[in-house]
N, C-alpha and C. Protein backbone atom coordinates (compact mmCIF):
# COMPACT_ATOMS: atom_id res chain seq x y z
N MET A 1 23.93 1.92 -16.40
CA MET A 1 22.99 1.99 -15.84
C MET A 1 23.27 1.77 -14.49
N LYS A 2 23.46 0.66 -14.41
CA LYS A 2 24.40 0.01 -12.87
C LYS A 2 24.86 0.88 -12.29
N ASP A 3 26.17 1.57 -13.06
CA ASP A 3 27.14 2.23 -12.60
C ASP A 3 26.22 3.72 -11.48
N LEU A 4 25.49 4.27 -12.30
CA LEU A 4 24.97 5.22 -11.94
C LEU A 4 24.25 4.81 -10.82
N GLU A 5 23.47 3.97 -10.77
CA GLU A 5 22.69 3.36 -9.57
C GLU A 5 23.75 3.43 -8.15
N ASN A 6 25.03 2.79 -8.35
CA ASN A 6 26.01 2.43 -7.38
C ASN A 6 26.53 3.54 -7.25
N LYS A 7 26.94 4.65 -8.12
CA LYS A 7 27.44 6.06 -7.37
C LYS A 7 26.23 7.25 -6.55
N TRP A 8 25.35 6.23 -6.78
CA TRP A 8 23.88 6.99 -6.58
C TRP A 8 24.04 6.70 -4.75
N LEU A 9 23.71 4.99 -4.91
CA LEU A 9 23.71 4.49 -3.44
C LEU A 9 24.93 4.99 -2.46
N GLN A 10 26.17 5.13 -3.46
CA GLN A 10 27.32 5.22 -2.50
C GLN A 10 27.38 6.99 -2.20
N ARG A 11 26.59 7.90 -2.54
CA ARG A 11 26.41 9.29 -2.58
C ARG A 11 25.22 8.98 -1.32
N TYR A 12 24.38 8.49 -1.52
CA TYR A 12 23.47 8.37 -0.74
C TYR A 12 23.53 8.07 0.69
N VAL A 13 24.01 7.10 0.71
CA VAL A 13 24.34 6.51 2.33
C VAL A 13 25.35 7.00 2.71
N GLY A 14 26.35 6.96 1.77
CA GLY A 14 27.98 7.68 2.55
C GLY A 14 28.61 6.98 2.79
N TYR A 15 29.36 5.73 1.72
CA TYR A 15 30.20 4.86 1.85
C TYR A 15 31.41 5.20 0.69
N GLN A 16 32.47 4.52 1.14
CA GLN A 16 33.38 4.97 0.04
C GLN A 16 34.18 3.11 -0.12
N GLY A 17 34.45 2.93 -1.41
CA GLY A 17 34.36 1.98 -1.57
C GLY A 17 33.74 0.59 -1.79
N GLU A 18 33.94 -0.59 -2.02
CA GLU A 18 33.10 -2.11 -2.05
C GLU A 18 32.79 -2.23 -0.54
N ARG A 19 31.27 -2.89 -0.86
CA ARG A 19 30.72 -3.56 0.61
C ARG A 19 30.80 -5.49 0.15
N ASP A 20 31.18 -5.82 1.31
CA ASP A 20 30.44 -7.06 1.05
C ASP A 20 29.07 -7.10 0.65
N GLU A 21 28.84 -8.53 0.95
CA GLU A 21 26.86 -9.50 0.92
C GLU A 21 26.49 -8.46 1.96
N TYR A 22 26.93 -8.94 2.95
CA TYR A 22 26.24 -8.63 4.45
C TYR A 22 25.67 -7.25 4.31
N GLN A 23 26.87 -6.51 3.77
CA GLN A 23 26.57 -4.77 3.77
C GLN A 23 26.07 -4.23 3.00
N LYS A 24 25.91 -4.82 1.84
CA LYS A 24 24.79 -4.76 0.70
C LYS A 24 23.06 -5.09 1.50
N SER A 25 23.21 -6.06 1.95
CA SER A 25 22.10 -6.86 2.20
C SER A 25 21.43 -5.92 3.40
N LYS A 26 22.26 -5.43 4.49
CA LYS A 26 21.95 -4.58 4.93
C LYS A 26 21.65 -3.11 5.22
N ILE A 27 22.37 -2.64 4.14
CA ILE A 27 22.37 -1.21 3.54
C ILE A 27 20.51 -1.54 2.90
N PHE A 28 20.37 -2.27 1.96
CA PHE A 28 19.17 -2.29 1.26
C PHE A 28 17.97 -2.69 2.41
N GLU A 29 18.06 -3.19 3.43
CA GLU A 29 17.17 -3.45 4.29
C GLU A 29 17.02 -2.29 4.92
N ILE A 30 17.89 -1.61 4.83
CA ILE A 30 17.65 0.11 5.75
C ILE A 30 17.01 0.58 4.87
N LEU A 31 17.48 0.57 3.48
CA LEU A 31 16.52 1.05 2.90
C LEU A 31 15.41 1.34 2.53
N ALA A 32 14.90 -0.32 2.49
CA ALA A 32 13.56 -0.64 2.32
C ALA A 32 12.57 -0.41 3.73
N HIS A 33 13.23 0.03 4.44
CA HIS A 33 12.50 0.21 5.90
C HIS A 33 12.34 1.90 5.76
N ALA A 34 13.20 2.95 5.07
CA ALA A 34 13.32 4.04 5.24
C ALA A 34 12.43 3.94 3.86
N ASN A 35 11.83 3.47 3.07
CA ASN A 35 10.59 3.50 1.89
C ASN A 35 9.90 3.80 2.66
N MET A 36 9.42 2.60 3.18
CA MET A 36 8.29 2.24 3.85
C MET A 36 7.39 3.26 4.51
N LEU A 37 8.60 3.55 5.66
CA LEU A 37 8.15 5.01 6.53
C LEU A 37 7.65 5.95 5.86
N MET A 38 8.66 6.37 5.15
CA MET A 38 8.18 7.79 4.24
C MET A 38 7.20 7.73 3.16
N PHE A 39 6.67 6.46 2.81
CA PHE A 39 5.22 6.30 1.90
C PHE A 39 4.37 6.16 3.05
N TYR A 40 4.44 5.68 4.41
CA TYR A 40 3.18 5.98 5.18
C TYR A 40 3.70 7.71 5.95
N LEU A 41 4.46 7.90 6.09
CA LEU A 41 4.59 9.85 6.29
C LEU A 41 4.03 10.63 5.27
N THR A 42 4.28 10.33 4.21
CA THR A 42 3.77 11.16 2.66
C THR A 42 2.20 11.26 3.10
N THR A 43 1.71 9.85 2.75
CA THR A 43 0.34 9.79 2.95
C THR A 43 -0.27 10.52 4.43
N ALA A 44 0.08 10.32 5.30
CA ALA A 44 -0.24 11.49 6.10
C ALA A 44 0.05 12.96 5.95
N LEU A 45 1.20 13.22 5.69
CA LEU A 45 1.19 14.63 5.35
C LEU A 45 0.24 15.03 3.98
N MET A 46 -0.16 14.16 3.50
CA MET A 46 -0.87 14.48 2.12
C MET A 46 -2.11 14.70 2.27
N MET A 47 -2.96 13.93 4.06
CA MET A 47 -4.06 14.00 4.28
C MET A 47 -4.26 15.15 5.27
N VAL A 48 -2.92 15.23 5.90
CA VAL A 48 -3.11 16.23 6.44
C VAL A 48 -3.24 17.96 5.93
N SER A 49 -2.50 17.83 4.91
CA SER A 49 -2.54 19.03 3.32
C SER A 49 -3.99 19.12 3.09
N PHE A 50 -4.71 17.95 2.47
CA PHE A 50 -5.69 17.66 2.05
C PHE A 50 -7.08 18.54 3.14
N ILE A 51 -6.70 18.01 4.06
CA ILE A 51 -7.99 18.46 5.24
C ILE A 51 -7.42 20.09 5.24
N TRP A 52 -6.06 20.84 5.32
CA TRP A 52 -6.02 21.90 5.75
C TRP A 52 -6.11 22.85 4.31
N ASP A 53 -6.24 21.91 2.65
CA ASP A 53 -6.79 23.06 2.00
C ASP A 53 -8.31 23.03 2.40
N ALA A 54 -9.02 21.66 2.41
CA ALA A 54 -10.63 21.48 2.59
C ALA A 54 -10.55 22.77 3.68
N ILE A 55 -10.57 22.53 4.82
CA ILE A 55 -11.05 23.76 5.70
C ILE A 55 -11.05 25.13 5.10
N HIS A 56 -9.95 25.69 4.36
CA HIS A 56 -9.81 26.90 3.67
C HIS A 56 -9.98 26.78 2.21
N GLN A 57 -11.21 25.90 2.00
CA GLN A 57 -11.30 25.66 0.55
C GLN A 57 -10.68 26.21 -0.76
N GLN A 58 -9.80 26.13 -0.85
CA GLN A 58 -8.43 26.37 -1.73
C GLN A 58 -7.61 24.89 -1.84
N TYR A 59 -7.31 24.56 -2.61
CA TYR A 59 -6.72 23.41 -3.12
C TYR A 59 -5.13 23.96 -3.12
N THR A 60 -4.18 23.53 -3.16
CA THR A 60 -2.80 23.79 -3.01
C THR A 60 -2.06 23.16 -3.95
N LEU A 61 -0.87 23.22 -4.27
CA LEU A 61 0.21 22.33 -5.18
C LEU A 61 0.58 21.39 -4.56
N GLY A 62 0.55 21.94 -3.40
CA GLY A 62 1.81 20.58 -2.47
C GLY A 62 1.05 19.62 -1.92
N THR A 63 -0.47 19.53 -2.10
CA THR A 63 -1.29 18.71 -2.16
C THR A 63 -1.66 17.56 -2.93
N PHE A 64 -1.35 17.80 -4.20
CA PHE A 64 -1.16 16.76 -5.46
C PHE A 64 0.10 17.14 -5.89
N LEU A 65 1.15 17.24 -5.23
CA LEU A 65 2.53 17.02 -5.53
C LEU A 65 2.99 15.35 -4.26
N LEU A 66 1.86 15.68 -3.48
CA LEU A 66 2.49 14.30 -2.08
C LEU A 66 1.64 13.48 -2.94
N LEU A 67 -0.06 13.55 -3.55
CA LEU A 67 -0.66 12.44 -4.24
C LEU A 67 0.46 12.02 -5.10
N GLY A 68 0.71 13.03 -5.95
CA GLY A 68 1.73 12.23 -7.41
C GLY A 68 2.95 11.75 -6.64
N LEU A 69 3.68 12.13 -5.80
CA LEU A 69 4.73 11.64 -5.36
C LEU A 69 4.67 10.00 -4.50
N GLN A 70 3.57 10.10 -3.51
CA GLN A 70 3.00 9.18 -3.23
C GLN A 70 2.87 7.38 -4.28
N GLN A 71 1.58 8.08 -5.62
CA GLN A 71 1.84 7.36 -6.20
C GLN A 71 2.95 6.79 -6.95
N PHE A 72 3.69 7.78 -7.45
CA PHE A 72 4.94 7.03 -8.11
C PHE A 72 5.39 6.24 -7.58
N ASN A 73 5.80 6.35 -6.32
CA ASN A 73 6.56 5.24 -5.38
C ASN A 73 5.81 3.76 -5.36
N SER A 74 4.20 4.16 -4.91
CA SER A 74 3.45 2.60 -5.42
C SER A 74 3.69 1.97 -6.68
N TYR A 75 3.48 3.00 -7.74
CA TYR A 75 3.49 2.36 -8.59
C TYR A 75 4.94 1.88 -8.90
N TYR A 76 5.91 2.21 -8.65
CA TYR A 76 7.58 1.88 -8.75
C TYR A 76 7.50 0.46 -7.90
N VAL A 77 6.97 0.54 -6.95
CA VAL A 77 7.59 -1.25 -5.88
C VAL A 77 6.34 -1.65 -6.97
N ILE A 78 5.04 -2.02 -7.24
CA ILE A 78 4.71 -2.60 -8.10
C ILE A 78 5.20 -3.31 -9.42
N PHE A 79 5.22 -2.43 -9.96
CA PHE A 79 5.81 -2.82 -11.33
C PHE A 79 7.24 -3.60 -11.20
N LYS A 80 7.99 -3.14 -10.61
CA LYS A 80 9.78 -3.73 -10.11
C LYS A 80 9.21 -5.07 -9.64
N THR A 81 8.14 -5.25 -8.83
CA THR A 81 8.20 -6.57 -7.77
C THR A 81 7.61 -7.52 -8.90
N LYS A 82 6.36 -6.98 -9.56
CA LYS A 82 5.82 -8.09 -11.04
C LYS A 82 6.75 -8.03 -11.84
N LYS A 83 7.94 -7.48 -12.67
CA LYS A 83 8.99 -7.47 -12.94
C LYS A 83 9.88 -8.27 -12.53
N TYR A 84 10.11 -8.62 -11.50
CA TYR A 84 11.01 -9.53 -10.64
C TYR A 84 10.17 -10.62 -10.50
N GLY A 85 9.03 -10.78 -10.26
CA GLY A 85 8.61 -12.00 -9.76
C GLY A 85 8.40 -12.35 -8.22
N VAL A 86 9.08 -11.07 -7.86
CA VAL A 86 8.97 -11.03 -5.97
C VAL A 86 7.76 -11.11 -5.03
N GLN A 87 6.70 -11.17 -6.24
CA GLN A 87 5.76 -11.14 -5.06
C GLN A 87 4.78 -12.79 -5.33
N GLN A 88 5.40 -13.83 -6.06
CA GLN A 88 4.95 -14.70 -5.82
C GLN A 88 5.11 -15.43 -4.65
N THR A 89 4.29 -16.10 -3.56
CA THR A 89 4.83 -17.07 -3.01
C THR A 89 4.59 -18.58 -3.44
N GLU A 90 5.48 -19.66 -3.54
CA GLU A 90 5.44 -20.53 -3.41
C GLU A 90 4.84 -21.79 -2.58
N PHE A 91 4.12 -22.30 -2.72
CA PHE A 91 4.20 -23.59 -1.28
C PHE A 91 3.92 -24.94 -2.23
N TYR A 92 4.62 -25.77 -1.64
CA TYR A 92 4.96 -27.16 -1.61
C TYR A 92 4.47 -28.23 -1.21
N ASP A 93 3.37 -27.98 -0.63
CA ASP A 93 2.15 -28.63 0.16
C ASP A 93 1.02 -28.26 0.19
N GLU A 94 -0.40 -28.79 -0.08
CA GLU A 94 -1.52 -28.83 0.15
C GLU A 94 -1.89 -28.15 1.54
N LYS A 95 -1.43 -28.39 2.46
CA LYS A 95 -1.69 -27.75 3.77
C LYS A 95 -1.28 -26.21 4.61
N SER A 96 -0.10 -26.41 3.49
CA SER A 96 0.44 -24.73 3.68
C SER A 96 -0.13 -24.05 2.78
N TYR A 97 -0.52 -24.09 1.73
CA TYR A 97 -1.11 -23.53 0.78
C TYR A 97 -2.56 -23.10 1.12
N THR A 98 -3.18 -24.47 1.81
CA THR A 98 -4.45 -23.87 2.41
C THR A 98 -4.69 -23.23 3.98
N LEU A 99 -3.85 -22.94 3.93
CA LEU A 99 -3.38 -22.23 5.24
C LEU A 99 -2.91 -20.80 5.13
N ALA A 100 -2.32 -20.19 4.00
CA ALA A 100 -2.16 -19.20 3.46
C ALA A 100 -3.81 -18.81 3.01
N SER A 101 -4.16 -19.58 2.36
CA SER A 101 -5.46 -18.84 1.53
C SER A 101 -6.45 -18.44 2.60
N LYS A 102 -6.64 -19.07 3.58
CA LYS A 102 -7.63 -18.70 5.36
C LYS A 102 -7.43 -17.73 5.41
N SER A 103 -5.70 -17.07 5.80
CA SER A 103 -4.56 -16.43 6.64
C SER A 103 -5.15 -14.86 5.63
N LEU A 104 -5.43 -15.16 4.22
CA LEU A 104 -5.72 -14.02 2.74
C LEU A 104 -7.30 -13.43 3.60
N ARG A 105 -7.64 -14.65 3.36
CA ARG A 105 -9.17 -14.27 3.47
C ARG A 105 -9.58 -13.67 4.45
N LYS A 106 -8.89 -14.11 6.14
CA LYS A 106 -9.16 -13.11 7.04
C LYS A 106 -8.69 -11.66 7.23
N LYS A 107 -7.40 -11.64 6.17
CA LYS A 107 -6.66 -10.37 6.31
C LYS A 107 -7.59 -9.05 5.68
N SER A 108 -8.02 -10.12 4.11
CA SER A 108 -9.14 -9.33 3.32
C SER A 108 -9.85 -9.10 3.90
N LEU A 109 -10.85 -9.97 4.56
CA LEU A 109 -11.85 -9.47 5.19
C LEU A 109 -11.65 -8.26 6.41
N TRP A 110 -10.58 -8.11 7.04
CA TRP A 110 -10.67 -7.00 7.87
C TRP A 110 -10.58 -5.72 6.45
N ALA A 111 -9.50 -5.96 5.84
CA ALA A 111 -9.17 -4.85 4.89
C ALA A 111 -10.64 -4.03 4.56
N GLY A 112 -11.59 -5.21 4.03
CA GLY A 112 -12.48 -4.58 3.41
C GLY A 112 -13.66 -3.54 4.40
N LEU A 113 -13.42 -4.36 5.42
CA LEU A 113 -14.18 -3.54 6.90
C LEU A 113 -13.68 -2.76 7.22
N ASN A 114 -11.80 -2.31 7.24
CA ASN A 114 -11.26 -1.40 7.40
C ASN A 114 -11.82 -0.36 6.57
N TRP A 115 -11.38 -0.57 5.47
CA TRP A 115 -11.86 0.56 3.73
C TRP A 115 -13.29 1.01 3.95
N GLY A 116 -14.20 0.16 3.90
CA GLY A 116 -15.80 0.54 4.12
C GLY A 116 -15.99 1.74 5.66
N PHE A 117 -15.24 1.17 7.07
CA PHE A 117 -15.43 1.90 8.09
C PHE A 117 -14.73 2.91 7.82
N SER A 118 -13.73 3.27 7.20
CA SER A 118 -12.71 4.39 6.96
C SER A 118 -13.32 5.44 6.11
N MET A 119 -13.86 5.08 5.24
CA MET A 119 -14.66 5.93 4.34
C MET A 119 -16.08 6.18 4.57
N PHE A 120 -16.83 5.50 5.49
CA PHE A 120 -17.53 6.02 6.04
C PHE A 120 -18.01 7.08 7.23
N ILE A 121 -16.59 6.91 7.69
CA ILE A 121 -16.19 8.12 9.00
C ILE A 121 -16.40 9.33 8.26
N VAL A 122 -14.74 9.43 7.20
CA VAL A 122 -14.47 10.30 6.74
C VAL A 122 -15.71 11.28 5.22
N MET A 123 -15.98 10.44 4.94
CA MET A 123 -17.46 10.59 3.86
C MET A 123 -18.63 11.24 4.60
N THR A 124 -18.79 10.88 5.53
CA THR A 124 -19.76 11.21 6.25
C THR A 124 -20.11 12.07 7.39
N ILE A 125 -18.85 12.15 8.29
CA ILE A 125 -18.53 12.78 9.36
C ILE A 125 -17.63 14.16 9.18
N VAL A 126 -16.26 13.32 8.78
CA VAL A 126 -15.04 14.55 8.59
C VAL A 126 -15.46 15.58 7.32
N PHE A 127 -15.67 15.01 6.28
CA PHE A 127 -15.65 16.16 5.29
C PHE A 127 -16.72 17.21 5.98
N PRO A 128 -18.21 16.81 5.87
CA PRO A 128 -18.97 17.39 6.27
C PRO A 128 -18.80 18.47 7.31
N THR A 129 -18.08 17.75 8.45
CA THR A 129 -17.49 18.85 9.22
C THR A 129 -16.54 19.93 8.60
N LEU A 130 -15.80 19.36 8.02
CA LEU A 130 -14.41 20.34 7.36
C LEU A 130 -15.40 21.23 6.56
N TRP A 131 -16.56 20.96 5.43
CA TRP A 131 -16.90 22.06 5.18
C TRP A 131 -18.26 22.63 5.94
N HIS A 132 -18.59 22.84 6.71
CA HIS A 132 -19.66 22.88 7.83
C HIS A 132 -20.83 22.58 7.15
N ASP A 133 -21.38 21.52 6.57
CA ASP A 133 -22.51 21.06 6.86
C ASP A 133 -22.66 20.20 7.58
N SER A 134 -24.29 19.72 7.50
CA SER A 134 -24.84 19.31 8.59
C SER A 134 -24.62 17.68 8.18
N ILE A 135 -23.95 16.90 9.62
CA ILE A 135 -23.90 15.63 9.07
C ILE A 135 -25.19 14.59 8.97
N ARG A 136 -24.84 14.03 7.69
CA ARG A 136 -26.59 13.19 7.61
C ARG A 136 -25.97 11.42 7.50
N ILE A 137 -26.15 10.85 8.56
CA ILE A 137 -26.38 9.09 8.17
C ILE A 137 -27.47 8.44 8.25
N SER A 138 -27.29 7.87 7.17
CA SER A 138 -28.08 7.41 6.65
C SER A 138 -28.37 5.84 6.40
N TRP A 139 -29.20 4.90 6.34
CA TRP A 139 -28.92 3.29 5.55
C TRP A 139 -28.42 3.40 4.79
N TRP A 140 -28.80 4.24 3.58
CA TRP A 140 -28.25 4.14 2.10
C TRP A 140 -26.85 4.62 2.18
N ASN A 141 -26.22 5.32 3.17
CA ASN A 141 -24.75 5.55 3.13
C ASN A 141 -24.31 4.11 3.88
N VAL A 142 -24.42 3.66 5.05
CA VAL A 142 -23.84 2.35 5.42
C VAL A 142 -24.07 1.32 4.58
N LEU A 143 -25.07 1.38 3.67
CA LEU A 143 -25.30 0.17 2.57
C LEU A 143 -24.30 0.22 1.31
N ILE A 144 -23.75 1.46 0.96
CA ILE A 144 -22.89 1.87 0.09
C ILE A 144 -22.00 1.46 0.24
N TYR A 145 -21.06 1.75 1.81
CA TYR A 145 -19.78 1.96 2.39
C TYR A 145 -19.45 0.29 2.50
N LEU A 146 -20.54 -0.67 3.05
CA LEU A 146 -20.57 -2.06 3.48
C LEU A 146 -20.23 -2.74 1.65
N VAL A 147 -21.19 -2.24 0.67
CA VAL A 147 -21.10 -2.90 -0.14
C VAL A 147 -19.53 -2.42 -0.80
N GLY A 148 -18.87 -1.22 -0.62
CA GLY A 148 -17.54 -1.00 -1.31
C GLY A 148 -16.68 -1.80 -0.59
N GLY A 149 -17.25 -1.88 1.05
CA GLY A 149 -16.08 -2.13 1.85
C GLY A 149 -16.06 -3.79 1.13
N THR A 150 -17.00 -4.59 1.13
CA THR A 150 -17.43 -6.46 0.60
C THR A 150 -16.32 -6.28 -0.85
N PHE A 151 -16.83 -5.77 -1.73
CA PHE A 151 -15.74 -5.60 -3.19
C PHE A 151 -14.40 -5.20 -2.66
N PHE A 152 -13.52 -4.30 -2.45
CA PHE A 152 -12.62 -4.03 -1.65
C PHE A 152 -11.85 -4.88 -1.26
N GLY A 153 -12.58 -5.52 -0.60
CA GLY A 153 -11.92 -7.11 0.73
C GLY A 153 -11.81 -8.04 -0.80
N GLY A 154 -13.12 -8.20 -1.30
CA GLY A 154 -12.75 -9.51 -2.12
C GLY A 154 -12.12 -9.10 -3.26
N THR A 155 -11.88 -7.76 -3.84
CA THR A 155 -11.05 -7.53 -4.90
C THR A 155 -9.55 -8.00 -4.46
N MET A 156 -8.95 -7.54 -3.03
CA MET A 156 -7.72 -7.89 -2.52
C MET A 156 -7.18 -9.07 -1.86
N TYR A 157 -8.45 -10.00 -1.86
CA TYR A 157 -8.24 -11.34 -1.43
C TYR A 157 -8.09 -12.10 -3.01
N LEU A 158 -8.77 -11.80 -4.40
CA LEU A 158 -8.26 -12.35 -5.30
C LEU A 158 -6.94 -11.79 -5.90
N ILE A 159 -7.10 -10.82 -5.66
CA ILE A 159 -5.12 -10.08 -5.70
C ILE A 159 -4.20 -10.89 -5.19
N SER A 160 -4.53 -10.85 -4.06
CA SER A 160 -3.51 -11.77 -3.05
C SER A 160 -3.09 -13.16 -3.70
N LYS A 161 -5.00 -13.33 -3.78
CA LYS A 161 -4.63 -15.50 -3.33
C LYS A 161 -4.13 -15.41 -5.54
N SER A 162 -4.07 -14.72 -6.11
CA SER A 162 -3.57 -14.81 -7.73
C SER A 162 -1.91 -14.72 -6.94
N GLN A 163 -1.47 -14.14 -6.19
CA GLN A 163 0.22 -14.48 -6.18
C GLN A 163 0.62 -15.75 -5.13
N LEU A 164 -0.47 -16.69 -4.88
CA LEU A 164 -0.07 -17.69 -4.19
C LEU A 164 0.47 -18.99 -5.20
N LYS A 165 1.35 -19.72 -5.35
CA LYS A 165 1.59 -20.78 -6.22
C LYS A 165 2.07 -21.81 -5.71
N ILE A 166 0.80 -23.06 -6.24
CA ILE A 166 1.09 -24.30 -5.10
C ILE A 166 2.22 -25.10 -6.35
N ILE A 167 3.35 -26.03 -6.03
CA ILE A 167 4.28 -26.37 -6.82
C ILE A 167 3.96 -28.31 -6.25
N THR A 168 3.52 -28.42 -7.40
CA THR A 168 3.44 -30.10 -7.44
C THR A 168 4.32 -30.88 -8.29
N ASP A 169 4.73 -31.63 -7.67
CA ASP A 169 5.72 -32.56 -8.72
C ASP A 169 5.43 -33.58 -9.85
N ASN A 170 4.07 -33.81 -9.84
CA ASN A 170 3.75 -34.41 -10.80
C ASN A 170 3.69 -33.44 -11.88
N PRO A 171 3.93 -33.30 -13.44
CA PRO A 171 3.63 -32.29 -14.59
C PRO A 171 1.88 -32.36 -14.91
N ASP A 172 1.21 -33.37 -14.53
CA ASP A 172 -0.51 -33.87 -15.46
C ASP A 172 -1.01 -32.37 -14.68
């Protein structure tokens, strides 16, 4: 399997023969950046395709294929990083662990607010506009997306915090 992956890599990147460690690390860095860029571009194209489909009230195979491609990419990265344990961040002192935890709290708060605000805008303004419905904003909608954003941010914090590990010398 490793030989097949090396052959694919050589054909994809376009090089002949062996590469030293620096060249390999640079190739993998470039491929990682390309994968991240393609993930965001696929997401944007999927949303454009979905909006186009919603305007024409007809959902196409392309939209669902883009969704499937994005989900495959996401799950592949998640499972591989878990398999090799590279998502864990180790800390050797309490101070840096606490700082990382506080930073995660702020990032999670912003992620929750961003998610709640984005969902509120999309569900109460964008979709009704696309479907030629009237825009109805109520306190109930605000509350739903505020609670949803809080749940999302809290879940992101708990998942991210579970990836932080403090290493102590004392086996107790």
